[in-house]
């Protein structure tokens, strides 16, 4: 049985993406979508769009190169119908399914390059986007913990790491496999840690690896967010917790505080009440979705899932997003609502044509 499962997986790995691409190129995918009356919106998720000078400090799984981002926006302006998240939610509230080709653009985490690079590109093409802010990171102008860990590994001067809570594991970071395993272990620990624990773990990581370089400021401050909103009319603001917290790993009262305090901080600093929320790492639950609604948000984003097409039937507090790829390869296919169901499953076998969603590539990005 395991042999058959392995064989089936290998077959899908090799022939799935080419079949998907062929279905799209021949128009058969679009034809089946029209026959099945498939419509809906695709919501794209970005993080950093840094240029070459700053991208070396950002975990690659959190990054779309600036030159690629510009090409993607040019394509969306020409081939798709980009709408504001507020307009999409209003449409869904009225029970309407967005027309084919509708796309919404979102950014998580408040990277400085969203202000210095993305805003002018969005303005140039007349596009709008929503920016989800983890407010304490904006307060401290602090790089995302995943980027702090990434640069500690990348610029390390020490090559042995001892890591773990109850059972310590020794990693030789000069060994390729142990490097990957060590990085995964560090990121998993940081993801589930409290804010205080995360700081202790990061301090320990830097003490052990003694990196030769540290990242420049990668995160916006509140003055820059205000300037962004004042000088550019392409961004709406949403909430992304206080401490970029996994709300599924903390108590109900702590999660409630993360939601309410995040919303209040944005209102205090920007004078706007955020209506939309993004769950960190896509981690959510039914009780948490109810809590988000009670906190005054009108919609929220969960995990990507197998089908990112948003219709009138989609749960407003568990909206799916598609992680934007770091290249133009098959970008038109990825952003087509016709690429759903079995077609999208075919493309998840390998990165031959379309890379798998980033939730598969990294469970700590978001």
Protein backbone atom coordinates (compact mmCIF):
# COMPACT_ATOMS: atom_id res chain seq x y z
CA UNK A 1 0.00 0.00 0.00
CA UNK A 2 2.79 2.45 0.91
CA UNK A 3 4.51 1.61 -2.42
CA UNK A 4 1.32 2.45 -4.35
CA UNK A 5 0.92 5.71 -2.44
CA UNK A 6 4.52 6.64 -3.12
CA UNK A 7 4.15 5.82 -6.83
CA UNK A 8 0.97 7.88 -7.09
CA UNK A 9 2.70 10.82 -5.40
CA UNK A 10 5.66 10.58 -7.76
CA UNK A 11 3.38 10.48 -10.81
CA UNK A 12 1.52 13.57 -9.64
CA UNK A 13 4.83 15.24 -8.86
CA UNK A 14 6.04 14.79 -12.44
CA UNK A 15 2.92 15.01 -14.62
CA UNK A 16 0.54 17.17 -12.55
CA UNK A 17 1.98 20.65 -13.22
CA UNK A 18 2.50 20.06 -16.98
CA UNK A 19 -1.12 18.88 -17.27
CA UNK A 20 -2.25 21.95 -15.35
CA UNK A 21 -0.24 24.27 -17.60
CA UNK A 22 -1.52 22.50 -20.73
CA UNK A 23 -5.12 22.83 -19.58
CA UNK A 24 -4.65 26.56 -19.13
CA UNK A 25 -2.66 27.12 -22.35
CA UNK A 26 -5.24 25.30 -24.51
CA UNK A 27 -8.17 27.09 -22.88
CA UNK A 28 -9.68 23.83 -21.64
CA UNK A 29 -9.36 24.96 -18.03
CA UNK A 30 -11.23 28.18 -18.77
CA UNK A 31 -13.86 26.29 -20.76
CA UNK A 32 -14.60 23.94 -17.87
CA UNK A 33 -14.78 26.93 -15.54
CA UNK A 34 -17.38 28.62 -17.73
CA UNK A 35 -19.33 25.36 -18.01
CA UNK A 36 -19.33 25.03 -14.22
CA UNK A 37 -20.03 28.78 -13.87
CA UNK A 38 -16.95 29.32 -11.71
CA UNK A 39 -16.39 32.96 -10.78
CA UNK A 40 -14.75 34.64 -7.84
CA UNK A 41 -11.84 36.70 -6.58
CA UNK A 42 -8.23 35.83 -5.87
CA UNK A 43 -6.60 37.56 -2.88
CA UNK A 44 -2.82 37.83 -3.07
CA UNK A 45 -0.57 37.98 -0.01
CA UNK A 46 2.81 39.72 -0.02
CA UNK A 47 5.36 40.45 2.70
CA UNK A 48 8.65 42.06 1.69
CA UNK A 49 9.32 43.42 -1.81
CA UNK A 50 12.84 44.58 -1.02
CA UNK A 51 15.40 45.44 -3.69
CA UNK A 52 18.78 43.74 -3.96
CA UNK A 53 20.37 45.98 -1.33
CA UNK A 54 18.00 44.81 1.42
CA UNK A 55 16.73 41.41 0.32
CA UNK A 56 19.79 39.64 1.75
CA UNK A 57 18.42 40.32 5.23
CA UNK A 58 14.96 38.82 4.56
CA UNK A 59 14.07 35.14 4.70
CA UNK A 60 13.54 34.31 0.98
CA UNK A 61 10.19 32.71 1.79
CA UNK A 62 9.03 36.14 2.96
CA UNK A 63 10.21 37.99 -0.12
CA UNK A 64 9.20 38.84 -3.68
CA UNK A 65 11.95 40.80 -5.51
CA UNK A 66 11.08 44.40 -6.30
CA UNK A 67 11.59 43.89 -10.04
CA UNK A 68 9.24 40.89 -10.00
CA UNK A 69 6.67 42.78 -7.95
CA UNK A 70 6.63 45.56 -10.54
CA UNK A 71 6.05 43.04 -13.34
CA UNK A 72 3.27 41.38 -11.38
CA UNK A 73 1.53 44.70 -10.78
CA UNK A 74 1.85 45.60 -14.46
CA UNK A 75 0.20 42.28 -15.35
CA UNK A 76 -2.61 42.77 -12.82
CA UNK A 77 -3.30 46.30 -14.08
CA UNK A 78 -3.48 45.03 -17.66
CA UNK A 79 -5.14 41.62 -17.29
CA UNK A 80 -7.09 41.60 -14.03
CA UNK A 81 -9.61 43.75 -12.16
CA UNK A 82 -7.94 44.86 -8.92
CA UNK A 83 -10.36 46.09 -6.24
CA UNK A 84 -9.92 47.34 -2.68
CA UNK A 85 -10.52 44.82 0.07
CA UNK A 86 -13.26 47.07 1.47
CA UNK A 87 -15.10 46.91 -1.87
CA UNK A 88 -14.76 43.13 -2.03
CA UNK A 89 -16.15 42.68 1.49
CA UNK A 90 -19.06 45.00 0.69
CA UNK A 91 -19.81 42.90 -2.39
CA UNK A 92 -19.75 39.68 -0.37
CA UNK A 93 -22.02 41.24 2.26
CA UNK A 94 -24.56 41.82 -0.52
CA UNK A 95 -24.38 38.13 -1.42
CA UNK A 96 -22.62 38.76 -4.74
CA UNK A 97 -19.82 36.65 -6.19
CA UNK A 98 -17.03 38.78 -7.73
CA UNK A 99 -16.65 38.55 -11.47
CA UNK A 100 -13.88 36.49 -13.03
CA UNK A 101 -10.52 38.27 -12.94
CA UNK A 102 -11.12 40.12 -9.67
CA UNK A 103 -7.97 40.38 -7.53
CA UNK A 104 -7.26 41.91 -4.12
CA UNK A 105 -3.69 42.74 -3.02
CA UNK A 106 -2.60 42.46 0.63
CA UNK A 107 0.65 42.86 2.58
CA UNK A 108 1.50 41.44 6.01
CA UNK A 109 3.97 42.63 8.65
CA UNK A 110 4.65 46.29 7.82
CA UNK A 111 7.94 45.94 5.96
CA UNK A 112 9.63 49.28 5.25
CA UNK A 113 9.86 48.39 1.55
CA UNK A 114 6.06 48.42 1.36
CA UNK A 115 6.48 52.19 1.86
CA UNK A 116 9.70 52.82 -0.08
CA UNK A 117 9.05 50.49 -3.03
CA UNK A 118 5.53 49.03 -3.25
CA UNK A 119 3.56 52.25 -2.71
CA UNK A 120 4.98 54.08 -5.73
CA UNK A 121 4.51 51.02 -7.96
CA UNK A 122 0.89 50.64 -6.85
CA UNK A 123 0.30 54.35 -7.43
CA UNK A 124 1.84 54.16 -10.90
CA UNK A 125 -0.53 51.41 -11.97
CA UNK A 126 -3.54 52.81 -10.10
CA UNK A 127 -3.84 49.80 -7.82
CA UNK A 128 -4.90 49.54 -4.18
CA UNK A 129 -3.86 47.17 -1.39
CA UNK A 130 -4.41 46.44 2.31
CA UNK A 131 -1.53 46.54 4.80
CA UNK A 132 -1.85 44.36 7.92
CA UNK A 133 0.22 45.68 10.83
CA UNK A 134 1.60 43.87 13.91
CA UNK A 135 1.55 47.03 16.00
CA UNK A 136 4.29 46.34 18.55
CA UNK A 137 6.74 45.65 15.75
CA UNK A 138 5.85 49.08 14.34
CA UNK A 139 6.29 50.60 17.81
CA UNK A 140 9.79 49.12 18.11
CA UNK A 141 10.73 49.38 14.42
CA UNK A 142 11.81 45.79 14.87
CA UNK A 143 12.63 43.28 12.13
CA UNK A 144 10.36 40.24 12.01
CA UNK A 145 11.64 37.45 14.22
CA UNK A 146 12.00 35.13 11.22
CA UNK A 147 14.36 37.63 9.56
CA UNK A 148 16.34 38.03 12.77
CA UNK A 149 16.79 34.26 12.88
CA UNK A 150 17.58 34.10 9.17
CA UNK A 151 20.36 36.69 9.37
CA UNK A 152 21.79 35.10 12.53
CA UNK A 153 22.20 31.85 10.61
CA UNK A 154 23.37 33.49 7.39
CA UNK A 155 26.02 35.74 8.94
CA UNK A 156 27.06 33.44 11.79
CA UNK A 157 30.68 33.32 12.93
CA UNK A 158 30.08 30.25 15.10
CA UNK A 159 28.96 27.02 13.49
CA UNK A 160 27.61 24.92 16.34
CA UNK A 161 24.14 25.47 17.79
CA UNK A 162 22.69 23.78 20.86
CA UNK A 163 18.91 24.08 20.79
CA UNK A 164 15.86 22.72 22.54
CA UNK A 165 13.87 23.05 25.74
CA UNK A 166 13.77 19.70 27.56
CA UNK A 167 16.07 17.78 25.22
CA UNK A 168 18.97 19.74 23.76
CA UNK A 169 20.04 18.97 20.19
CA UNK A 170 23.45 19.81 18.79
CA UNK A 171 23.48 21.12 15.21
CA UNK A 172 26.61 21.40 13.07
CA UNK A 173 25.59 24.28 10.81
CA UNK A 174 28.40 23.55 8.36
CA UNK A 175 26.45 20.41 7.45
CA UNK A 176 23.70 21.28 4.93
CA UNK A 177 21.05 18.99 6.41
CA UNK A 178 21.77 19.98 9.98
CA UNK A 179 21.65 23.63 8.95
CA UNK A 180 18.11 23.17 7.58
CA UNK A 181 17.03 21.08 10.56
CA UNK A 182 18.48 23.62 12.99
CA UNK A 183 16.81 26.54 11.27
CA UNK A 184 13.47 24.75 11.29
CA UNK A 185 13.83 23.93 14.98
CA UNK A 186 14.64 27.55 15.82
CA UNK A 187 11.74 28.94 13.79
CA UNK A 188 9.28 26.45 15.24
CA UNK A 189 10.30 27.45 18.76
CA UNK A 190 10.07 31.16 17.97
CA UNK A 191 6.66 30.81 16.35
CA UNK A 192 5.01 29.26 19.38
CA UNK A 193 6.88 31.34 22.00
CA UNK A 194 5.38 34.22 23.94
CA UNK A 195 6.78 37.69 23.29
CA UNK A 196 9.08 37.50 26.31
CA UNK A 197 10.19 33.94 25.52
CA UNK A 198 10.83 34.93 21.90
CA UNK A 199 13.16 37.71 22.99
CA UNK A 200 15.07 35.31 25.28
CA UNK A 201 15.37 32.74 22.49
CA UNK A 202 16.59 35.31 19.97
CA UNK A 203 19.16 36.63 22.43
CA UNK A 204 20.38 33.08 23.02
CA UNK A 205 20.54 32.41 19.27
CA UNK A 206 22.63 35.52 18.66
CA UNK A 207 24.86 34.75 21.61
CA UNK A 208 25.58 31.29 20.27
CA UNK A 209 26.04 32.15 16.58
CA UNK A 210 27.59 35.62 17.03
CA UNK A 211 26.60 36.93 13.57
CA UNK A 212 29.09 39.31 11.97
CA UNK A 213 26.30 41.53 10.60
CA UNK A 214 22.86 42.60 11.73
CA UNK A 215 19.96 43.71 9.54
CA UNK A 216 19.24 47.38 8.95
CA UNK A 217 15.78 48.64 9.86
CA UNK A 218 13.34 46.56 7.83
CA UNK A 219 10.06 47.66 9.46
CA UNK A 220 8.11 50.89 9.16
CA UNK A 221 7.52 53.22 12.09
CA UNK A 222 4.28 55.07 12.71
CA UNK A 223 5.49 58.29 11.07
CA UNK A 224 6.20 56.34 7.91
CA UNK A 225 2.81 54.64 8.02
CA UNK A 226 1.18 58.07 8.36
CA UNK A 227 3.24 59.41 5.46
CA UNK A 228 2.30 56.36 3.43
CA UNK A 229 -1.39 57.02 3.98
CA UNK A 230 -1.03 60.76 3.46
CA UNK A 231 1.05 60.71 0.29
CA UNK A 232 -0.32 57.58 -1.31
CA UNK A 233 -3.94 56.62 -1.69
CA UNK A 234 -3.27 52.99 -2.50
CA UNK A 235 -3.33 51.48 0.99
CA UNK A 236 -5.96 50.50 3.52
CA UNK A 237 -4.89 49.40 7.01
CA UNK A 238 -5.78 46.17 8.80
CA UNK A 239 -4.77 44.46 12.07
CA UNK A 240 -2.21 41.67 12.49
CA UNK A 241 -2.04 41.32 16.33
CA UNK A 242 0.35 43.14 18.68
CA UNK A 243 3.30 40.75 18.72
CA UNK A 244 2.75 38.74 15.52
CA UNK A 245 1.29 36.07 17.77
CA UNK A 246 -0.04 32.63 16.98
CA UNK A 247 -3.45 33.13 18.55
CA UNK A 248 -4.09 29.38 18.66
CA UNK A 249 -1.22 28.93 21.14
CA UNK A 250 -2.34 31.45 23.78
CA UNK A 251 -5.30 31.76 26.14
CA UNK A 252 -8.67 33.22 25.23
CA UNK A 253 -8.02 36.35 27.30
CA UNK A 254 -4.56 36.84 25.78
CA UNK A 255 -5.96 36.45 22.26
CA UNK A 256 -8.72 38.93 23.04
CA UNK A 257 -6.14 41.46 24.22
CA UNK A 258 -4.03 40.92 21.07
CA UNK A 259 -7.07 41.75 18.94
CA UNK A 260 -8.55 44.66 20.87
CA UNK A 261 -5.24 46.32 21.74
CA UNK A 262 -3.99 45.98 18.15
CA UNK A 263 -7.14 47.64 16.82
CA UNK A 264 -6.97 50.43 19.42
CA UNK A 265 -3.27 51.09 18.75
CA UNK A 266 -3.95 51.56 15.04
CA UNK A 267 -6.84 53.90 15.80
CA UNK A 268 -4.73 55.91 18.26
CA UNK A 269 -1.83 56.33 15.83
CA UNK A 270 -3.64 56.68 12.51
CA UNK A 271 -7.12 57.86 13.40
CA UNK A 272 -8.73 54.98 11.50
CA UNK A 273 -10.55 51.95 12.89
CA UNK A 274 -9.25 48.83 11.13
CA UNK A 275 -12.06 46.71 9.71
CA UNK A 276 -10.05 43.71 8.56
CA UNK A 277 -7.76 41.27 10.33
CA UNK A 278 -5.08 38.80 9.24
CA UNK A 279 -4.39 35.72 11.40
CA UNK A 280 -0.64 35.28 11.83
CA UNK A 281 0.67 32.17 10.06
CA UNK A 282 -2.88 31.50 8.88
CA UNK A 283 -3.61 29.81 12.22
CA UNK A 284 -7.20 30.15 13.26
CA UNK A 285 -10.17 28.35 14.80
CA UNK A 286 -13.91 28.84 15.09
CA UNK A 287 -13.70 30.37 18.61
CA UNK A 288 -10.99 32.76 17.40
CA UNK A 289 -13.06 33.79 14.39
CA UNK A 290 -15.93 34.58 16.73
CA UNK A 291 -13.54 36.58 18.90
CA UNK A 292 -12.36 38.59 15.87
CA UNK A 293 -15.97 39.45 15.07
CA UNK A 294 -16.64 40.47 18.67
CA UNK A 295 -13.54 42.70 18.57
CA UNK A 296 -15.20 44.77 15.83
CA UNK A 297 -13.52 43.43 12.70
CA UNK A 298 -15.71 42.80 9.63
CA UNK A 299 -13.57 40.15 7.96
CA UNK A 300 -10.46 38.04 8.59
CA UNK A 301 -7.95 35.94 6.68
CA UNK A 302 -7.07 32.38 7.59
CA UNK A 303 -4.88 29.84 5.78
CA UNK A 304 -4.50 29.51 2.03
CA UNK A 305 -6.09 26.08 1.71
CA UNK A 306 -6.53 24.17 -1.52
CA UNK A 307 -8.96 26.60 -3.12
CA UNK A 308 -8.22 30.34 -2.86
CA UNK A 309 -11.22 31.45 -4.95
CA UNK A 310 -13.48 33.79 -2.95
CA UNK A 311 -17.22 33.65 -3.68
CA UNK A 312 -20.43 34.83 -2.02
CA UNK A 313 -20.40 31.57 -0.01
CA UNK A 314 -16.92 32.10 1.49
CA UNK A 315 -16.76 32.60 5.26
CA UNK A 316 -15.93 36.29 5.79
CA UNK A 317 -13.86 35.42 8.85
CA UNK A 318 -11.90 32.64 7.16
CA UNK A 319 -11.02 34.21 3.83
CA UNK A 320 -8.30 32.38 1.87
CA UNK A 321 -5.29 34.03 0.29
CA UNK A 322 -2.78 32.99 -2.32
CA UNK A 323 0.87 33.54 -1.41
CA UNK A 324 2.38 35.60 -4.23
CA UNK A 325 5.16 33.69 -6.03
CA UNK A 326 8.67 35.10 -6.22
CA UNK A 327 8.68 35.01 -10.03
CA UNK A 328 6.42 35.70 -13.00
CA UNK A 329 6.30 32.01 -13.84
CA UNK A 330 2.64 31.06 -14.35
CA UNK A 331 1.50 34.20 -12.52
CA UNK A 332 -1.45 34.46 -14.92
CA UNK A 333 -2.42 30.88 -14.14
CA UNK A 334 -2.08 31.35 -10.40
CA UNK A 335 -4.35 34.40 -10.42
CA UNK A 336 -7.07 32.80 -12.54
CA UNK A 337 -10.21 31.56 -10.73
CA UNK A 338 -10.47 28.89 -13.44
CA UNK A 339 -7.47 27.26 -11.76
CA UNK A 340 -9.51 25.59 -9.06
CA UNK A 341 -10.51 22.13 -7.90
CA UNK A 342 -8.62 19.33 -9.61
CA UNK A 343 -6.67 21.80 -11.75
CA UNK A 344 -5.10 23.51 -8.76
CA UNK A 345 -4.42 20.17 -7.08
CA UNK A 346 -2.47 19.07 -10.16
CA UNK A 347 -0.12 22.02 -9.72
CA UNK A 348 0.65 21.29 -6.08
CA UNK A 349 2.91 18.35 -6.83
CA UNK A 350 6.05 20.30 -7.68
CA UNK A 351 7.39 23.73 -8.57
CA UNK A 352 7.87 22.76 -12.24
CA UNK A 353 5.27 25.31 -13.26
CA UNK A 354 3.61 26.84 -10.25
CA UNK A 355 5.23 26.68 -6.80
CA UNK A 356 3.11 25.31 -3.96
CA UNK A 357 1.51 27.80 -1.61
CA UNK A 358 3.91 29.19 0.95
CA UNK A 359 2.07 27.52 3.81
CA UNK A 360 3.69 24.32 2.49
CA UNK A 361 7.08 25.96 2.06
CA UNK A 362 7.17 27.49 5.52
CA UNK A 363 4.68 27.14 8.33
CA UNK A 364 6.09 30.17 10.18
CA UNK A 365 5.66 32.79 7.42
CA UNK A 366 2.64 35.03 7.71
